Amino acid sequence: METEYLKKFGRRVRELRQETGLSQEKFALKIGMDRTYFASVETGKRNVSLMNIKKIADGLSVSMATLFENVED
């Protein structure tokens, strides 16, 4: 069950990142995160920390709540 939340969260992050037009590599560099770590977030393989969620939200210029939209349907 928990892995489904991670996958939904990752899909939401990917969707928002793609709207920026940045690749995983360029976005990870922008927010100071390792690309392989960020890729594992997007694929739902990483239980990302609150501080890294904040980094991602800031990098996307969205609220943390926006990252969780449609994750818990």
PDB file of N, CA and C in Angstrom:
ATOM      1  N   MET A   1       0.819  -1.196   0.000  1.00  0.00           N
ATOM      2  CA  MET A   1       0.000   0.000   0.000  1.00  0.00           C
ATOM      3  C   MET A   1       0.862   1.258   0.000  1.00  0.00           C
ATOM      4  N   GLU A   2       1.901   1.292   0.871  1.00  0.00           N
ATOM      5  CA  GLU A   2       2.752   2.481   0.939  1.00  0.00           C
ATOM      6  C   GLU A   2       3.461   2.752  -0.378  1.00  0.00           C
ATOM      7  N   THR A   3       3.851   1.674  -1.063  1.00  0.00           N
ATOM      8  CA  THR A   3       4.569   1.881  -2.320  1.00  0.00           C
ATOM      9  C   THR A   3       3.685   2.553  -3.362  1.00  0.00           C
ATOM     10  N   GLU A   4       2.371   2.331  -3.282  1.00  0.00           N
ATOM     11  CA  GLU A   4       1.468   2.985  -4.225  1.00  0.00           C
ATOM     12  C   GLU A   4       1.476   4.497  -4.009  1.00  0.00           C
ATOM     13  N   TYR A   5       1.554   4.933  -2.755  1.00  0.00           N
ATOM     14  CA  TYR A   5       1.648   6.370  -2.470  1.00  0.00           C
ATOM     15  C   TYR A   5       2.945   6.947  -3.019  1.00  0.00           C
ATOM     16  N   LEU A   6       4.034   6.209  -2.873  1.00  0.00           N
ATOM     17  CA  LEU A   6       5.319   6.670  -3.387  1.00  0.00           C
ATOM     18  C   LEU A   6       5.267   6.801  -4.902  1.00  0.00           C
ATOM     19  N   LYS A   7       4.639   5.851  -5.569  1.00  0.00           N
ATOM     20  CA  LYS A   7       4.527   5.907  -7.026  1.00  0.00           C
ATOM     21  C   LYS A   7       3.653   7.076  -7.478  1.00  0.00           C
ATOM     22  N   LYS A   8       2.530   7.285  -6.784  1.00  0.00           N
ATOM     23  CA  LYS A   8       1.647   8.406  -7.129  1.00  0.00           C
ATOM     24  C   LYS A   8       2.350   9.738  -6.899  1.00  0.00           C
ATOM     25  N   PHE A   9       3.077   9.837  -5.796  1.00  0.00           N
ATOM     26  CA  PHE A   9       3.821  11.062  -5.509  1.00  0.00           C
ATOM     27  C   PHE A   9       4.870  11.291  -6.598  1.00  0.00           C
ATOM     28  N   GLY A  10       5.583  10.246  -6.964  1.00  0.00           N
ATOM     29  CA  GLY A  10       6.607  10.350  -8.001  1.00  0.00           C
ATOM     30  C   GLY A  10       6.032  10.789  -9.337  1.00  0.00           C
ATOM     31  N   ARG A  11       4.871  10.240  -9.691  1.00  0.00           N
ATOM     32  CA  ARG A  11       4.224  10.639 -10.944  1.00  0.00           C
ATOM     33  C   ARG A  11       3.836  12.117 -10.906  1.00  0.00           C
ATOM     34  N   ARG A  12       3.367  12.566  -9.754  1.00  0.00           N
ATOM     35  CA  ARG A  12       2.982  13.975  -9.616  1.00  0.00           C
ATOM     36  C   ARG A  12       4.208  14.878  -9.760  1.00  0.00           C
ATOM     37  N   VAL A  13       5.298  14.506  -9.125  1.00  0.00           N
ATOM     38  CA  VAL A  13       6.537  15.288  -9.230  1.00  0.00           C
ATOM     39  C   VAL A  13       7.005  15.317 -10.683  1.00  0.00           C
ATOM     40  N   ARG A  14       6.993  14.173 -11.358  1.00  0.00           N
ATOM     41  CA  ARG A  14       7.416  14.105 -12.759  1.00  0.00           C
ATOM     42  C   ARG A  14       6.545  15.007 -13.635  1.00  0.00           C
ATOM     43  N   GLU A  15       5.243  14.934 -13.418  1.00  0.00           N
ATOM     44  CA  GLU A  15       4.307  15.760 -14.185  1.00  0.00           C
ATOM     45  C   GLU A  15       4.639  17.249 -14.037  1.00  0.00           C
ATOM     46  N   LEU A  16       4.858  17.685 -12.808  1.00  0.00           N
ATOM     47  CA  LEU A  16       5.165  19.096 -12.567  1.00  0.00           C
ATOM     48  C   LEU A  16       6.537  19.479 -13.118  1.00  0.00           C
ATOM     49  N   ARG A  17       7.513  18.563 -12.992  1.00  0.00           N
ATOM     50  CA  ARG A  17       8.849  18.854 -13.529  1.00  0.00           C
ATOM     51  C   ARG A  17       8.797  18.981 -15.041  1.00  0.00           C
ATOM     52  N   GLN A  18       8.069  18.096 -15.692  1.00  0.00           N
ATOM     53  CA  GLN A  18       7.978  18.142 -17.144  1.00  0.00           C
ATOM     54  C   GLN A  18       7.335  19.440 -17.621  1.00  0.00           C
ATOM     55  N   GLU A  19       6.425  19.986 -16.829  1.00  0.00           N
ATOM     56  CA  GLU A  19       5.826  21.275 -17.168  1.00  0.00           C
ATOM     57  C   GLU A  19       6.865  22.401 -17.181  1.00  0.00           C
ATOM     58  N   THR A  20       7.950  22.225 -16.431  1.00  0.00           N
ATOM     59  CA  THR A  20       9.010  23.242 -16.412  1.00  0.00           C
ATOM     60  C   THR A  20       9.898  23.144 -17.650  1.00  0.00           C
ATOM     61  N   GLY A  21       9.847  21.990 -18.330  1.00  0.00           N
ATOM     62  CA  GLY A  21      10.687  21.784 -19.501  1.00  0.00           C
ATOM     63  C   GLY A  21      12.099  21.343 -19.164  1.00  0.00           C
ATOM     64  N   LEU A  22      12.363  21.086 -17.882  1.00  0.00           N
ATOM     65  CA  LEU A  22      13.706  20.667 -17.471  1.00  0.00           C
ATOM     66  C   LEU A  22      13.808  19.146 -17.428  1.00  0.00           C
ATOM     67  N   SER A  23      14.965  18.631 -17.804  1.00  0.00           N
ATOM     68  CA  SER A  23      15.239  17.204 -17.682  1.00  0.00           C
ATOM     69  C   SER A  23      15.431  16.869 -16.202  1.00  0.00           C
ATOM     70  N   GLN A  24      15.416  15.589 -15.881  1.00  0.00           N
ATOM     71  CA  GLN A  24      15.693  15.171 -14.502  1.00  0.00           C
ATOM     72  C   GLN A  24      17.050  15.714 -14.063  1.00  0.00           C
ATOM     73  N   GLU A  25      18.032  15.581 -14.933  1.00  0.00           N
ATOM     74  CA  GLU A  25      19.384  15.999 -14.590  1.00  0.00           C
ATOM     75  C   GLU A  25      19.461  17.494 -14.305  1.00  0.00           C
ATOM     76  N   LYS A  26      18.873  18.303 -15.178  1.00  0.00           N
ATOM     77  CA  LYS A  26      18.928  19.754 -14.990  1.00  0.00           C
ATOM     78  C   LYS A  26      18.120  20.189 -13.774  1.00  0.00           C
ATOM     79  N   PHE A  27      16.987  19.546 -13.541  1.00  0.00           N
ATOM     80  CA  PHE A  27      16.188  19.904 -12.374  1.00  0.00           C
ATOM     81  C   PHE A  27      16.910  19.521 -11.087  1.00  0.00           C
ATOM     82  N   ALA A  28      17.474  18.316 -11.044  1.00  0.00           N
ATOM     83  CA  ALA A  28      18.209  17.874  -9.854  1.00  0.00           C
ATOM     84  C   ALA A  28      19.369  18.820  -9.565  1.00  0.00           C
ATOM     85  N   LEU A  29      20.075  19.233 -10.594  1.00  0.00           N
ATOM     86  CA  LEU A  29      21.169  20.181 -10.423  1.00  0.00           C
ATOM     87  C   LEU A  29      20.646  21.501  -9.863  1.00  0.00           C
ATOM     88  N   LYS A  30      19.519  21.963 -10.385  1.00  0.00           N
ATOM     89  CA  LYS A  30      18.912  23.224  -9.941  1.00  0.00           C
ATOM     90  C   LYS A  30      18.601  23.208  -8.443  1.00  0.00           C
ATOM     91  N   ILE A  31      18.132  22.065  -7.934  1.00  0.00           N
ATOM     92  CA  ILE A  31      17.741  22.007  -6.522  1.00  0.00           C
ATOM     93  C   ILE A  31      18.821  21.406  -5.619  1.00  0.00           C
ATOM     94  N   GLY A  32      19.969  21.095  -6.199  1.00  0.00           N
ATOM     95  CA  GLY A  32      21.074  20.575  -5.392  1.00  0.00           C
ATOM     96  C   GLY A  32      20.869  19.149  -4.914  1.00  0.00           C
ATOM     97  N   MET A  33      20.277  18.336  -5.775  1.00  0.00           N
ATOM     98  CA  MET A  33      19.992  16.949  -5.424  1.00  0.00           C
ATOM     99  C   MET A  33      20.669  16.047  -6.454  1.00  0.00           C
ATOM    100  N   ASP A  34      21.158  14.912  -5.998  1.00  0.00           N
ATOM    101  CA  ASP A  34      21.763  13.948  -6.906  1.00  0.00           C
ATOM    102  C   ASP A  34      20.717  13.460  -7.907  1.00  0.00           C
ATOM    103  N   ARG A  35      21.088  13.361  -9.181  1.00  0.00           N
ATOM    104  CA  ARG A  35      20.137  12.973 -10.217  1.00  0.00           C
ATOM    105  C   ARG A  35      19.578  11.584  -9.987  1.00  0.00           C
ATOM    106  N   THR A  36      20.401  10.649  -9.557  1.00  0.00           N
ATOM    107  CA  THR A  36      19.903   9.286  -9.350  1.00  0.00           C
ATOM    108  C   THR A  36      18.927   9.233  -8.167  1.00  0.00           C
ATOM    109  N   TYR A  37      19.173  10.045  -7.151  1.00  0.00           N
ATOM    110  CA  TYR A  37      18.239  10.133  -6.021  1.00  0.00           C
ATOM    111  C   TYR A  37      16.905  10.699  -6.527  1.00  0.00           C
ATOM    112  N   PHE A  38      16.983  11.799  -7.283  1.00  0.00           N
ATOM    113  CA  PHE A  38      15.766  12.422  -7.794  1.00  0.00           C
ATOM    114  C   PHE A  38      15.008  11.464  -8.713  1.00  0.00           C
ATOM    115  N   ALA A  39      15.722  10.732  -9.556  1.00  0.00           N
ATOM    116  CA  ALA A  39      15.079   9.761 -10.443  1.00  0.00           C
ATOM    117  C   ALA A  39      14.343   8.701  -9.631  1.00  0.00           C
ATOM    118  N   SER A  40      14.923   8.284  -8.513  1.00  0.00           N
ATOM    119  CA  SER A  40      14.265   7.276  -7.680  1.00  0.00           C
ATOM    120  C   SER A  40      13.024   7.840  -6.987  1.00  0.00           C
ATOM    121  N   VAL A  41      12.983   9.146  -6.763  1.00  0.00           N
ATOM    122  CA  VAL A  41      11.777   9.789  -6.234  1.00  0.00           C
ATOM    123  C   VAL A  41      10.678   9.715  -7.295  1.00  0.00           C
ATOM    124  N   GLU A  42      11.016  10.077  -8.514  1.00  0.00           N
ATOM    125  CA  GLU A  42      10.026  10.091  -9.599  1.00  0.00           C
ATOM    126  C   GLU A  42       9.501   8.701  -9.939  1.00  0.00           C
ATOM    127  N   THR A  43      10.281   7.682  -9.720  1.00  0.00           N
ATOM    128  CA  THR A  43       9.826   6.327 -10.021  1.00  0.00           C
ATOM    129  C   THR A  43       9.157   5.657  -8.824  1.00  0.00           C
ATOM    130  N   GLY A  44       9.072   6.368  -7.704  1.00  0.00           N
ATOM    131  CA  GLY A  44       8.406   5.831  -6.524  1.00  0.00           C
ATOM    132  C   GLY A  44       9.221   4.816  -5.765  1.00  0.00           C
ATOM    133  N   LYS A  45      10.531   4.841  -5.959  1.00  0.00           N
ATOM    134  CA  LYS A  45      11.408   3.892  -5.277  1.00  0.00           C
ATOM    135  C   LYS A  45      12.072   4.491  -4.042  1.00  0.00           C
ATOM    136  N   ARG A  46      11.785   5.742  -3.761  1.00  0.00           N
ATOM    137  CA  ARG A  46      12.446   6.435  -2.657  1.00  0.00           C
ATOM    138  C   ARG A  46      11.398   7.011  -1.729  1.00  0.00           C
ATOM    139  N   ASN A  47      11.535   6.740  -0.440  1.00  0.00           N
ATOM    140  CA  ASN A  47      10.678   7.356   0.565  1.00  0.00           C
ATOM    141  C   ASN A  47      11.359   8.672   0.945  1.00  0.00           C
ATOM    142  N   VAL A  48      11.012   9.708   0.238  1.00  0.00           N
ATOM    143  CA  VAL A  48      11.705  10.992   0.291  1.00  0.00           C
ATOM    144  C   VAL A  48      11.418  11.716   1.608  1.00  0.00           C
ATOM    145  N   SER A  49      12.446  12.388   2.131  1.00  0.00           N
ATOM    146  CA  SER A  49      12.300  13.113   3.397  1.00  0.00           C
ATOM    147  C   SER A  49      11.541  14.418   3.210  1.00  0.00           C
ATOM    148  N   LEU A  50      11.027  14.934   4.293  1.00  0.00           N
ATOM    149  CA  LEU A  50      10.292  16.193   4.275  1.00  0.00           C
ATOM    150  C   LEU A  50      11.154  17.333   3.739  1.00  0.00           C
ATOM    151  N   MET A  51      12.409  17.380   4.108  1.00  0.00           N
ATOM    152  CA  MET A  51      13.289  18.454   3.642  1.00  0.00           C
ATOM    153  C   MET A  51      13.515  18.360   2.133  1.00  0.00           C
ATOM    154  N   ASN A  52      13.593  17.160   1.599  1.00  0.00           N
ATOM    155  CA  ASN A  52      13.755  17.011   0.155  1.00  0.00           C
ATOM    156  C   ASN A  52      12.456  17.311  -0.589  1.00  0.00           C
ATOM    157  N   ILE A  53      11.326  17.024   0.037  1.00  0.00           N
ATOM    158  CA  ILE A  53      10.041  17.416  -0.557  1.00  0.00           C
ATOM    159  C   ILE A  53       9.985  18.938  -0.658  1.00  0.00           C
ATOM    160  N   LYS A  54      10.451  19.621   0.368  1.00  0.00           N
ATOM    161  CA  LYS A  54      10.479  21.092   0.361  1.00  0.00           C
ATOM    162  C   LYS A  54      11.388  21.594  -0.760  1.00  0.00           C
ATOM    163  N   LYS A  55      12.563  20.978  -0.936  1.00  0.00           N
ATOM    164  CA  LYS A  55      13.477  21.363  -2.023  1.00  0.00           C
ATOM    165  C   LYS A  55      12.809  21.215  -3.381  1.00  0.00           C
ATOM    166  N   ILE A  56      12.121  20.101  -3.567  1.00  0.00           N
ATOM    167  CA  ILE A  56      11.446  19.848  -4.839  1.00  0.00           C
ATOM    168  C   ILE A  56      10.358  20.888  -5.074  1.00  0.00           C
ATOM    169  N   ALA A  57       9.540  21.135  -4.053  1.00  0.00           N
ATOM    170  CA  ALA A  57       8.461  22.122  -4.189  1.00  0.00           C
ATOM    171  C   ALA A  57       9.023  23.496  -4.523  1.00  0.00           C
ATOM    172  N   ASP A  58      10.068  23.904  -3.822  1.00  0.00           N
ATOM    173  CA  ASP A  58      10.685  25.209  -4.095  1.00  0.00           C
ATOM    174  C   ASP A  58      11.233  25.267  -5.519  1.00  0.00           C
ATOM    175  N   GLY A  59      11.864  24.187  -5.961  1.00  0.00           N
ATOM    176  CA  GLY A  59      12.420  24.146  -7.309  1.00  0.00           C
ATOM    177  C   GLY A  59      11.354  24.227  -8.385  1.00  0.00           C
ATOM    178  N   LEU A  60      10.163  23.733  -8.053  1.00  0.00           N
ATOM    179  CA  LEU A  60       9.041  23.776  -8.993  1.00  0.00           C
ATOM    180  C   LEU A  60       8.207  25.043  -8.832  1.00  0.00           C
ATOM    181  N   SER A  61       8.541  25.835  -7.827  1.00  0.00           N
ATOM    182  CA  SER A  61       7.784  27.054  -7.500  1.00  0.00           C
ATOM    183  C   SER A  61       6.321  26.749  -7.201  1.00  0.00           C
ATOM    184  N   VAL A  62       6.117  25.670  -6.429  1.00  0.00           N
ATOM    185  CA  VAL A  62       4.770  25.297  -5.994  1.00  0.00           C
ATOM    186  C   VAL A  62       4.797  25.043  -4.495  1.00  0.00           C
ATOM    187  N   SER A  63       3.616  24.990  -3.898  1.00  0.00           N
ATOM    188  CA  SER A  63       3.541  24.660  -2.479  1.00  0.00           C
ATOM    189  C   SER A  63       3.767  23.161  -2.300  1.00  0.00           C
ATOM    190  N   MET A  64       4.128  22.778  -1.087  1.00  0.00           N
ATOM    191  CA  MET A  64       4.270  21.358  -0.804  1.00  0.00           C
ATOM    192  C   MET A  64       2.922  20.662  -0.986  1.00  0.00           C
ATOM    193  N   ALA A  65       1.838  21.333  -0.649  1.00  0.00           N
ATOM    194  CA  ALA A  65       0.505  20.752  -0.812  1.00  0.00           C
ATOM    195  C   ALA A  65       0.227  20.424  -2.271  1.00  0.00           C
ATOM    196  N   THR A  66       0.685  21.268  -3.177  1.00  0.00           N
ATOM    197  CA  THR A  66       0.487  21.029  -4.608  1.00  0.00           C
ATOM    198  C   THR A  66       1.135  19.719  -5.038  1.00  0.00           C
ATOM    199  N   LEU A  67       2.269  19.390  -4.444  1.00  0.00           N
ATOM    200  CA  LEU A  67       2.931  18.132  -4.788  1.00  0.00           C
ATOM    201  C   LEU A  67       2.075  16.930  -4.448  1.00  0.00           C
ATOM    202  N   PHE A  68       1.211  17.080  -3.455  1.00  0.00           N
ATOM    203  CA  PHE A  68       0.408  15.947  -2.992  1.00  0.00           C
ATOM    204  C   PHE A  68      -0.994  15.898  -3.597  1.00  0.00           C
ATOM    205  N   GLU A  69      -1.313  16.844  -4.499  1.00  0.00           N
ATOM    206  CA  GLU A  69      -2.614  16.815  -5.153  1.00  0.00           C
ATOM    207  C   GLU A  69      -2.772  15.512  -5.929  1.00  0.00           C
ATOM    208  N   ASN A  70      -3.893  14.876  -5.756  1.00  0.00           N
ATOM    209  CA  ASN A  70      -4.248  13.605  -6.437  1.00  0.00           C
ATOM    210  C   ASN A  70      -3.410  12.410  -6.007  1.00  0.00           C
ATOM    211  N   VAL A  71      -2.624  12.551  -4.955  1.00  0.00           N
ATOM    212  CA  VAL A  71      -1.825  11.422  -4.492  1.00  0.00           C
ATOM    213  C   VAL A  71      -2.683  10.476  -3.648  1.00  0.00           C
ATOM    214  N   GLU A  72      -3.623  11.031  -2.908  1.00  0.00           N
ATOM    215  CA  GLU A  72      -4.421  10.216  -2.001  1.00  0.00           C
ATOM    216  C   GLU A  72      -5.868  10.127  -2.477  1.00  0.00           C
ATOM    217  N   ASP A  73      -6.066   9.683  -3.694  1.00  0.00           N
ATOM    218  CA  ASP A  73      -7.424   9.518  -4.229  1.00  0.00           C
ATOM    219  C   ASP A  73      -8.014   8.216  -3.771  1.00  0.00           C
TER     220      ASP A  73
END
